[in-house]
Amino acid sequence: MTQFGWITAAQAVDGLGLAESTPGPLIMVLQFVGFMAGWQAPAGSLSPAATAVLCALLTTWATFLPSLTLVLIGAPYIDRLRNVRALSAALTAILAAVTGVILHLGLTFGRSVLFPHGLAGAPELPLVALALAALIALRTTKISPALLVLGGALVGLATIGGSG
């Protein structure tokens, strides 16, 4: 995303934080990217706000239209398709690919947060410590992930408030 100049790495992290801090789907990251791309590069005589809203709507439409179309067309045939061995193998491969995309997304955002100046730069040690503490809390306690996200957000706000 930063390679196209749509958004900065910090804005991408903001979008992910927005999606993770609300009870909505992760699609909000895509909508945020669309919105920010429109805001930062208004089209023609449109205002940044109008372009941003149109880009966010286009992002949503382009994200949901293919899958919705497939669901509407394929829904009557799902039971029959489950027994087709080749299709079952293809769906398993798609699941593996989606898992890989999610892993890549997590690593990319993690790198942007923990190493904001690139991997050659020094890591943000307080953030590394916070990430390790969150991982340890998740693995050793029964803390709710939502509570952990809220706690991380509060620590982040306190950190920002202390440095501003």
N, C-alpha and C. Protein backbone atom coordinates (compact mmCIF):
# COMPACT_ATOMS: atom_id res chain seq x y z
N MET A 1 0.82 -1.18 0.00
CA MET A 1 0.00 0.00 0.00
C MET A 1 0.87 1.25 0.00
N THR A 2 1.95 1.20 0.79
CA THR A 2 2.81 2.38 0.79
C THR A 2 3.54 2.50 -0.54
N GLN A 3 3.77 1.40 -1.24
CA GLN A 3 4.48 1.46 -2.51
C GLN A 3 3.67 2.20 -3.58
N PHE A 4 2.35 2.23 -3.46
CA PHE A 4 1.51 2.95 -4.40
C PHE A 4 1.23 4.37 -3.94
N GLY A 5 1.65 4.72 -2.72
CA GLY A 5 1.41 6.04 -2.19
C GLY A 5 -0.01 6.26 -1.69
N TRP A 6 -0.77 5.16 -1.51
CA TRP A 6 -2.15 5.29 -1.04
C TRP A 6 -2.19 5.73 0.41
N ILE A 7 -1.41 5.04 1.23
CA ILE A 7 -1.36 5.34 2.66
C ILE A 7 0.05 5.08 3.16
N THR A 8 0.36 5.61 4.32
CA THR A 8 1.66 5.35 4.94
C THR A 8 1.56 4.08 5.80
N ALA A 9 2.69 3.57 6.22
CA ALA A 9 2.70 2.39 7.10
C ALA A 9 1.96 2.70 8.40
N ALA A 10 2.15 3.91 8.92
CA ALA A 10 1.47 4.29 10.17
C ALA A 10 -0.04 4.33 9.97
N GLN A 11 -0.49 4.81 8.81
CA GLN A 11 -1.93 4.84 8.54
C GLN A 11 -2.48 3.41 8.39
N ALA A 12 -1.69 2.51 7.82
CA ALA A 12 -2.12 1.12 7.70
C ALA A 12 -2.31 0.50 9.09
N VAL A 13 -1.40 0.79 9.98
CA VAL A 13 -1.52 0.30 11.35
C VAL A 13 -2.74 0.93 12.02
N ASP A 14 -3.00 2.21 11.76
CA ASP A 14 -4.20 2.86 12.30
C ASP A 14 -5.46 2.14 11.80
N GLY A 15 -5.49 1.80 10.52
CA GLY A 15 -6.64 1.10 9.95
C GLY A 15 -6.85 -0.26 10.59
N LEU A 16 -5.76 -0.99 10.81
CA LEU A 16 -5.87 -2.29 11.47
C LEU A 16 -6.34 -2.11 12.90
N GLY A 17 -5.83 -1.10 13.58
CA GLY A 17 -6.27 -0.82 14.95
C GLY A 17 -7.74 -0.48 15.00
N LEU A 18 -8.21 0.29 14.03
CA LEU A 18 -9.62 0.63 13.95
C LEU A 18 -10.47 -0.64 13.79
N ALA A 19 -10.04 -1.51 12.89
CA ALA A 19 -10.81 -2.73 12.65
C ALA A 19 -10.80 -3.66 13.86
N GLU A 20 -9.68 -3.73 14.56
CA GLU A 20 -9.57 -4.63 15.70
C GLU A 20 -10.25 -4.09 16.95
N SER A 21 -10.45 -2.78 16.99
CA SER A 21 -11.03 -2.19 18.21
C SER A 21 -12.54 -2.03 18.13
N THR A 22 -13.13 -2.42 17.04
CA THR A 22 -14.58 -2.31 16.88
C THR A 22 -15.16 -3.70 16.62
N PRO A 23 -16.43 -3.88 16.90
CA PRO A 23 -17.03 -5.20 16.73
C PRO A 23 -17.41 -5.51 15.28
N GLY A 24 -16.76 -4.88 14.33
CA GLY A 24 -17.06 -5.14 12.92
C GLY A 24 -16.03 -6.08 12.31
N PRO A 25 -16.23 -6.40 11.07
CA PRO A 25 -15.30 -7.31 10.40
C PRO A 25 -14.00 -6.61 9.99
N LEU A 26 -13.03 -7.40 9.62
CA LEU A 26 -11.73 -6.88 9.22
C LEU A 26 -11.81 -6.10 7.91
N ILE A 27 -12.94 -6.17 7.22
CA ILE A 27 -13.13 -5.41 5.99
C ILE A 27 -12.92 -3.93 6.22
N MET A 28 -13.04 -3.49 7.46
CA MET A 28 -12.85 -2.07 7.76
C MET A 28 -11.46 -1.60 7.37
N VAL A 29 -10.46 -2.48 7.39
CA VAL A 29 -9.11 -2.09 6.97
C VAL A 29 -9.14 -1.70 5.50
N LEU A 30 -9.82 -2.51 4.68
CA LEU A 30 -9.90 -2.20 3.26
C LEU A 30 -10.66 -0.90 3.02
N GLN A 31 -11.75 -0.71 3.74
CA GLN A 31 -12.51 0.53 3.61
C GLN A 31 -11.65 1.73 4.02
N PHE A 32 -10.87 1.57 5.07
CA PHE A 32 -10.00 2.64 5.55
C PHE A 32 -8.96 2.98 4.49
N VAL A 33 -8.36 1.95 3.88
CA VAL A 33 -7.37 2.19 2.83
C VAL A 33 -8.01 2.93 1.66
N GLY A 34 -9.21 2.47 1.24
CA GLY A 34 -9.91 3.16 0.17
C GLY A 34 -10.21 4.61 0.52
N PHE A 35 -10.68 4.82 1.74
CA PHE A 35 -11.00 6.18 2.20
C PHE A 35 -9.75 7.06 2.17
N MET A 36 -8.66 6.56 2.75
CA MET A 36 -7.44 7.36 2.83
C MET A 36 -6.85 7.64 1.46
N ALA A 37 -6.92 6.65 0.56
CA ALA A 37 -6.42 6.86 -0.80
C ALA A 37 -7.21 7.98 -1.48
N GLY A 38 -8.53 7.97 -1.32
CA GLY A 38 -9.35 9.03 -1.90
C GLY A 38 -9.10 10.38 -1.25
N TRP A 39 -8.89 10.37 0.05
CA TRP A 39 -8.67 11.62 0.78
C TRP A 39 -7.35 12.27 0.34
N GLN A 40 -6.34 11.45 0.15
CA GLN A 40 -5.00 11.97 -0.17
C GLN A 40 -4.83 12.30 -1.65
N ALA A 41 -5.71 11.80 -2.51
CA ALA A 41 -5.61 12.09 -3.95
C ALA A 41 -7.01 12.33 -4.50
N PRO A 42 -7.61 13.49 -4.19
CA PRO A 42 -8.97 13.75 -4.66
C PRO A 42 -9.07 13.71 -6.19
N ALA A 43 -10.22 13.25 -6.67
CA ALA A 43 -10.43 13.09 -8.10
C ALA A 43 -11.03 14.36 -8.69
N GLY A 44 -10.34 14.94 -9.66
CA GLY A 44 -10.87 16.08 -10.39
C GLY A 44 -11.33 17.22 -9.49
N SER A 45 -12.58 17.63 -9.66
CA SER A 45 -13.10 18.75 -8.90
C SER A 45 -13.78 18.33 -7.60
N LEU A 46 -13.78 17.03 -7.31
CA LEU A 46 -14.39 16.55 -6.06
C LEU A 46 -13.53 16.94 -4.86
N SER A 47 -14.19 17.15 -3.75
CA SER A 47 -13.47 17.46 -2.52
C SER A 47 -12.80 16.19 -2.01
N PRO A 48 -11.80 16.34 -1.13
CA PRO A 48 -11.19 15.15 -0.55
C PRO A 48 -12.21 14.27 0.17
N ALA A 49 -13.16 14.86 0.86
CA ALA A 49 -14.17 14.07 1.59
C ALA A 49 -15.05 13.28 0.63
N ALA A 50 -15.49 13.91 -0.45
CA ALA A 50 -16.34 13.22 -1.41
C ALA A 50 -15.58 12.09 -2.10
N THR A 51 -14.35 12.35 -2.51
CA THR A 51 -13.53 11.32 -3.13
C THR A 51 -13.28 10.17 -2.16
N ALA A 52 -13.00 10.51 -0.91
CA ALA A 52 -12.72 9.48 0.10
C ALA A 52 -13.93 8.57 0.31
N VAL A 53 -15.11 9.17 0.42
CA VAL A 53 -16.32 8.36 0.62
C VAL A 53 -16.58 7.48 -0.60
N LEU A 54 -16.43 8.04 -1.80
CA LEU A 54 -16.62 7.24 -3.01
C LEU A 54 -15.63 6.09 -3.09
N CYS A 55 -14.37 6.35 -2.75
CA CYS A 55 -13.35 5.29 -2.78
C CYS A 55 -13.64 4.21 -1.74
N ALA A 56 -14.10 4.60 -0.56
CA ALA A 56 -14.45 3.62 0.47
C ALA A 56 -15.63 2.76 0.00
N LEU A 57 -16.62 3.39 -0.63
CA LEU A 57 -17.76 2.64 -1.15
C LEU A 57 -17.34 1.69 -2.28
N LEU A 58 -16.46 2.16 -3.15
CA LEU A 58 -15.96 1.32 -4.24
C LEU A 58 -15.18 0.13 -3.68
N THR A 59 -14.38 0.38 -2.67
CA THR A 59 -13.62 -0.70 -2.03
C THR A 59 -14.57 -1.75 -1.46
N THR A 60 -15.62 -1.31 -0.80
CA THR A 60 -16.59 -2.23 -0.22
C THR A 60 -17.30 -3.03 -1.32
N TRP A 61 -17.72 -2.35 -2.35
CA TRP A 61 -18.41 -3.01 -3.47
C TRP A 61 -17.51 -4.05 -4.13
N ALA A 62 -16.25 -3.67 -4.42
CA ALA A 62 -15.33 -4.58 -5.07
C ALA A 62 -14.95 -5.76 -4.17
N THR A 63 -15.01 -5.57 -2.87
CA THR A 63 -14.67 -6.65 -1.94
C THR A 63 -15.81 -7.66 -1.84
N PHE A 64 -17.03 -7.18 -1.75
CA PHE A 64 -18.15 -8.08 -1.50
C PHE A 64 -18.82 -8.62 -2.75
N LEU A 65 -18.78 -7.91 -3.86
CA LEU A 65 -19.52 -8.34 -5.04
C LEU A 65 -19.11 -9.73 -5.54
N PRO A 66 -17.80 -10.03 -5.69
CA PRO A 66 -17.45 -11.36 -6.19
C PRO A 66 -17.94 -12.49 -5.27
N SER A 67 -17.71 -12.35 -3.98
CA SER A 67 -18.11 -13.43 -3.08
C SER A 67 -19.62 -13.55 -2.98
N LEU A 68 -20.32 -12.43 -2.97
CA LEU A 68 -21.78 -12.47 -2.92
C LEU A 68 -22.34 -13.13 -4.18
N THR A 69 -21.77 -12.81 -5.31
CA THR A 69 -22.20 -13.43 -6.57
C THR A 69 -21.99 -14.94 -6.53
N LEU A 70 -20.81 -15.35 -6.06
CA LEU A 70 -20.54 -16.79 -5.97
C LEU A 70 -21.50 -17.49 -5.01
N VAL A 71 -21.79 -16.85 -3.90
CA VAL A 71 -22.71 -17.45 -2.93
C VAL A 71 -24.11 -17.58 -3.53
N LEU A 72 -24.59 -16.53 -4.18
CA LEU A 72 -25.93 -16.58 -4.76
C LEU A 72 -26.04 -17.61 -5.88
N ILE A 73 -24.99 -17.72 -6.68
CA ILE A 73 -25.02 -18.69 -7.78
C ILE A 73 -24.80 -20.10 -7.26
N GLY A 74 -23.87 -20.26 -6.31
CA GLY A 74 -23.47 -21.60 -5.88
C GLY A 74 -24.26 -22.20 -4.75
N ALA A 75 -25.03 -21.40 -4.03
CA ALA A 75 -25.74 -21.89 -2.85
C ALA A 75 -26.59 -23.13 -3.12
N PRO A 76 -27.34 -23.18 -4.22
CA PRO A 76 -28.16 -24.37 -4.44
C PRO A 76 -27.36 -25.65 -4.69
N TYR A 77 -26.08 -25.49 -5.03
CA TYR A 77 -25.28 -26.66 -5.40
C TYR A 77 -24.26 -27.08 -4.33
N ILE A 78 -24.23 -26.41 -3.20
CA ILE A 78 -23.21 -26.65 -2.18
C ILE A 78 -23.18 -28.11 -1.72
N ASP A 79 -24.33 -28.69 -1.42
CA ASP A 79 -24.35 -30.07 -0.93
C ASP A 79 -23.74 -31.03 -1.96
N ARG A 80 -24.07 -30.84 -3.21
CA ARG A 80 -23.51 -31.70 -4.26
C ARG A 80 -22.01 -31.48 -4.43
N LEU A 81 -21.57 -30.22 -4.28
CA LEU A 81 -20.16 -29.89 -4.51
C LEU A 81 -19.26 -30.42 -3.40
N ARG A 82 -19.78 -30.61 -2.21
CA ARG A 82 -18.96 -31.12 -1.10
C ARG A 82 -18.43 -32.51 -1.38
N ASN A 83 -19.13 -33.26 -2.20
CA ASN A 83 -18.72 -34.63 -2.50
C ASN A 83 -17.77 -34.73 -3.69
N VAL A 84 -17.47 -33.62 -4.34
CA VAL A 84 -16.54 -33.62 -5.47
C VAL A 84 -15.13 -33.49 -4.91
N ARG A 85 -14.35 -34.55 -5.06
CA ARG A 85 -13.03 -34.62 -4.44
C ARG A 85 -12.10 -33.49 -4.91
N ALA A 86 -12.07 -33.23 -6.21
CA ALA A 86 -11.19 -32.18 -6.74
C ALA A 86 -11.56 -30.81 -6.18
N LEU A 87 -12.84 -30.54 -6.07
CA LEU A 87 -13.28 -29.26 -5.52
C LEU A 87 -12.95 -29.16 -4.04
N SER A 88 -13.09 -30.26 -3.33
CA SER A 88 -12.75 -30.27 -1.90
C SER A 88 -11.26 -29.96 -1.72
N ALA A 89 -10.43 -30.54 -2.59
CA ALA A 89 -8.98 -30.26 -2.52
C ALA A 89 -8.70 -28.80 -2.85
N ALA A 90 -9.42 -28.24 -3.82
CA ALA A 90 -9.22 -26.84 -4.18
C ALA A 90 -9.62 -25.92 -3.03
N LEU A 91 -10.73 -26.25 -2.37
CA LEU A 91 -11.16 -25.43 -1.23
C LEU A 91 -10.16 -25.51 -0.08
N THR A 92 -9.56 -26.66 0.11
CA THR A 92 -8.52 -26.81 1.13
C THR A 92 -7.32 -25.94 0.78
N ALA A 93 -6.96 -25.90 -0.50
CA ALA A 93 -5.84 -25.05 -0.94
C ALA A 93 -6.17 -23.58 -0.75
N ILE A 94 -7.41 -23.20 -1.02
CA ILE A 94 -7.82 -21.81 -0.83
C ILE A 94 -7.73 -21.44 0.64
N LEU A 95 -8.17 -22.34 1.52
CA LEU A 95 -8.07 -22.09 2.96
C LEU A 95 -6.62 -21.89 3.38
N ALA A 96 -5.72 -22.72 2.83
CA ALA A 96 -4.30 -22.56 3.14
C ALA A 96 -3.77 -21.22 2.65
N ALA A 97 -4.20 -20.81 1.46
CA ALA A 97 -3.76 -19.52 0.92
C ALA A 97 -4.27 -18.36 1.77
N VAL A 98 -5.52 -18.43 2.20
CA VAL A 98 -6.07 -17.37 3.04
C VAL A 98 -5.32 -17.31 4.37
N THR A 99 -5.00 -18.45 4.93
CA THR A 99 -4.22 -18.49 6.16
C THR A 99 -2.86 -17.84 5.95
N GLY A 100 -2.24 -18.10 4.81
CA GLY A 100 -0.96 -17.48 4.50
C GLY A 100 -1.06 -15.98 4.36
N VAL A 101 -2.13 -15.51 3.75
CA VAL A 101 -2.34 -14.06 3.60
C VAL A 101 -2.50 -13.40 4.96
N ILE A 102 -3.26 -14.04 5.85
CA ILE A 102 -3.45 -13.49 7.19
C ILE A 102 -2.12 -13.46 7.95
N LEU A 103 -1.33 -14.53 7.81
CA LEU A 103 -0.02 -14.56 8.46
C LEU A 103 0.87 -13.44 7.92
N HIS A 104 0.88 -13.26 6.61
CA HIS A 104 1.69 -12.19 6.00
C HIS A 104 1.24 -10.82 6.50
N LEU A 105 -0.06 -10.62 6.57
CA LEU A 105 -0.60 -9.35 7.06
C LEU A 105 -0.13 -9.10 8.49
N GLY A 106 -0.21 -10.12 9.34
CA GLY A 106 0.24 -9.96 10.72
C GLY A 106 1.71 -9.64 10.82
N LEU A 107 2.53 -10.32 10.01
CA LEU A 107 3.97 -10.05 10.03
C LEU A 107 4.28 -8.65 9.49
N THR A 108 3.58 -8.24 8.46
CA THR A 108 3.81 -6.91 7.88
C THR A 108 3.45 -5.82 8.88
N PHE A 109 2.28 -5.93 9.52
CA PHE A 109 1.89 -4.92 10.50
C PHE A 109 2.80 -4.99 11.72
N GLY A 110 3.16 -6.18 12.15
CA GLY A 110 4.07 -6.31 13.29
C GLY A 110 5.40 -5.64 13.01
N ARG A 111 5.93 -5.85 11.81
CA ARG A 111 7.20 -5.23 11.43
C ARG A 111 7.06 -3.71 11.41
N SER A 112 5.94 -3.20 10.90
CA SER A 112 5.74 -1.75 10.83
C SER A 112 5.66 -1.11 12.21
N VAL A 113 5.09 -1.84 13.16
CA VAL A 113 4.95 -1.30 14.52
C VAL A 113 6.24 -1.46 15.31
N LEU A 114 6.82 -2.66 15.27
CA LEU A 114 7.99 -2.92 16.10
C LEU A 114 9.27 -2.35 15.51
N PHE A 115 9.33 -2.22 14.19
CA PHE A 115 10.51 -1.67 13.50
C PHE A 115 10.06 -0.55 12.56
N PRO A 116 9.65 0.60 13.11
CA PRO A 116 9.08 1.66 12.26
C PRO A 116 10.08 2.25 11.26
N HIS A 117 11.37 2.06 11.49
CA HIS A 117 12.40 2.59 10.58
C HIS A 117 13.01 1.47 9.74
N GLY A 118 12.28 0.37 9.60
CA GLY A 118 12.78 -0.77 8.82
C GLY A 118 13.54 -1.74 9.69
N LEU A 119 13.77 -2.93 9.15
CA LEU A 119 14.45 -3.97 9.93
C LEU A 119 15.89 -3.61 10.23
N ALA A 120 16.49 -2.72 9.44
CA ALA A 120 17.86 -2.30 9.72
C ALA A 120 17.92 -1.31 10.87
N GLY A 121 16.80 -0.65 11.16
CA GLY A 121 16.74 0.30 12.26
C GLY A 121 16.54 -0.39 13.60
N ALA A 122 16.66 0.37 14.64
CA ALA A 122 16.48 -0.18 15.99
C ALA A 122 14.99 -0.45 16.25
N PRO A 123 14.71 -1.54 16.95
CA PRO A 123 13.31 -1.82 17.28
C PRO A 123 12.82 -0.86 18.36
N GLU A 124 11.50 -0.68 18.41
CA GLU A 124 10.88 0.11 19.47
C GLU A 124 10.77 -0.81 20.69
N LEU A 125 11.74 -0.76 21.58
CA LEU A 125 11.81 -1.69 22.70
C LEU A 125 10.58 -1.68 23.60
N PRO A 126 9.99 -0.52 23.91
CA PRO A 126 8.77 -0.57 24.73
C PRO A 126 7.64 -1.35 24.04
N LEU A 127 7.55 -1.21 22.71
CA LEU A 127 6.51 -1.94 21.98
C LEU A 127 6.81 -3.43 21.90
N VAL A 128 8.09 -3.77 21.77
CA VAL A 128 8.48 -5.18 21.78
C VAL A 128 8.12 -5.79 23.14
N ALA A 129 8.42 -5.06 24.22
CA ALA A 129 8.08 -5.54 25.56
C ALA A 129 6.57 -5.70 25.72
N LEU A 130 5.81 -4.74 25.21
CA LEU A 130 4.35 -4.82 25.29
C LEU A 130 3.83 -6.02 24.50
N ALA A 131 4.37 -6.25 23.32
CA ALA A 131 3.95 -7.39 22.50
C ALA A 131 4.27 -8.71 23.19
N LEU A 132 5.46 -8.81 23.79
CA LEU A 132 5.82 -10.03 24.51
C LEU A 132 4.93 -10.23 25.74
N ALA A 133 4.64 -9.15 26.44
CA ALA A 133 3.76 -9.27 27.60
C ALA A 133 2.36 -9.73 27.18
N ALA A 134 1.87 -9.21 26.06
CA ALA A 134 0.56 -9.63 25.56
C ALA A 134 0.58 -11.11 25.16
N LEU A 135 1.64 -11.53 24.48
CA LEU A 135 1.76 -12.94 24.09
C LEU A 135 1.81 -13.84 25.31
N ILE A 136 2.58 -13.47 26.30
CA ILE A 136 2.66 -14.27 27.53
C ILE A 136 1.31 -14.31 28.23
N ALA A 137 0.63 -13.17 28.28
CA ALA A 137 -0.69 -13.14 28.92
C ALA A 137 -1.67 -14.04 28.18
N LEU A 138 -1.64 -14.03 26.86
CA LEU A 138 -2.54 -14.89 26.08
C LEU A 138 -2.25 -16.37 26.29
N ARG A 139 -0.97 -16.70 26.41
CA ARG A 139 -0.59 -18.12 26.50
C ARG A 139 -0.69 -18.68 27.92
N THR A 140 -0.60 -17.82 28.93
CA THR A 140 -0.54 -18.35 30.29
C THR A 140 -1.77 -18.04 31.14
N THR A 141 -2.64 -17.17 30.65
CA THR A 141 -3.83 -16.83 31.43
C THR A 141 -5.07 -17.06 30.57
N LYS A 142 -6.21 -16.85 31.16
CA LYS A 142 -7.47 -16.97 30.42
C LYS A 142 -8.04 -15.59 30.13
N ILE A 143 -7.15 -14.61 29.95
CA ILE A 143 -7.59 -13.24 29.68
C ILE A 143 -8.31 -13.19 28.33
N SER A 144 -9.34 -12.40 28.28
CA SER A 144 -10.09 -12.21 27.04
C SER A 144 -9.23 -11.43 26.05
N PRO A 145 -9.13 -11.89 24.80
CA PRO A 145 -8.37 -11.10 23.81
C PRO A 145 -8.91 -9.68 23.67
N ALA A 146 -10.22 -9.51 23.80
CA ALA A 146 -10.80 -8.16 23.71
C ALA A 146 -10.28 -7.27 24.84
N LEU A 147 -10.18 -7.83 26.04
CA LEU A 147 -9.65 -7.08 27.18
C LEU A 147 -8.17 -6.76 26.97
N LEU A 148 -7.46 -7.70 26.38
CA LEU A 148 -6.05 -7.48 26.10
C LEU A 148 -5.86 -6.37 25.06
N VAL A 149 -6.69 -6.35 24.03
CA VAL A 149 -6.64 -5.28 23.03
C VAL A 149 -6.95 -3.94 23.67
N LEU A 150 -7.97 -3.91 24.53
CA LEU A 150 -8.32 -2.68 25.23
C LEU A 150 -7.16 -2.20 26.10
N GLY A 151 -6.54 -3.13 26.81
CA GLY A 151 -5.38 -2.76 27.64
C GLY A 151 -4.23 -2.22 26.81
N GLY A 152 -3.97 -2.86 25.66
CA GLY A 152 -2.92 -2.36 24.76
C GLY A 152 -3.24 -0.98 24.24
N ALA A 153 -4.52 -0.75 23.93
CA ALA A 153 -4.93 0.58 23.44
C ALA A 153 -4.72 1.63 24.52
N LEU A 154 -5.06 1.28 25.76
CA LEU A 154 -4.87 2.24 26.86
C LEU A 154 -3.40 2.54 27.09
N VAL A 155 -2.56 1.51 27.02
CA VAL A 155 -1.12 1.73 27.18
C VAL A 155 -0.63 2.62 26.03
N GLY A 156 -1.11 2.36 24.81
CA GLY A 156 -0.73 3.18 23.68
C GLY A 156 -1.14 4.63 23.85
N LEU A 157 -2.37 4.84 24.30
CA LEU A 157 -2.84 6.21 24.53
C LEU A 157 -2.03 6.90 25.62
N ALA A 158 -1.71 6.17 26.68
CA ALA A 158 -0.90 6.74 27.75
C ALA A 158 0.49 7.10 27.23
N THR A 159 1.02 6.27 26.37
CA THR A 159 2.35 6.52 25.80
C THR A 159 2.32 7.75 24.90
N ILE A 160 1.31 7.82 24.05
CA ILE A 160 1.17 8.98 23.16
C ILE A 160 0.96 10.25 23.98
N GLY A 161 0.10 10.15 25.00
CA GLY A 161 -0.17 11.31 25.85
C GLY A 161 1.08 11.77 26.58
N GLY A 162 1.92 10.83 26.98
CA GLY A 162 3.14 11.17 27.71
C GLY A 162 4.21 11.77 26.81
N SER A 163 4.17 11.44 25.50
CA SER A 163 5.22 11.94 24.60
C SER A 163 4.81 13.21 23.89
N GLY A 164 3.51 13.56 23.96
CA GLY A 164 3.02 14.74 23.22
C GLY A 164 3.12 15.90 24.06
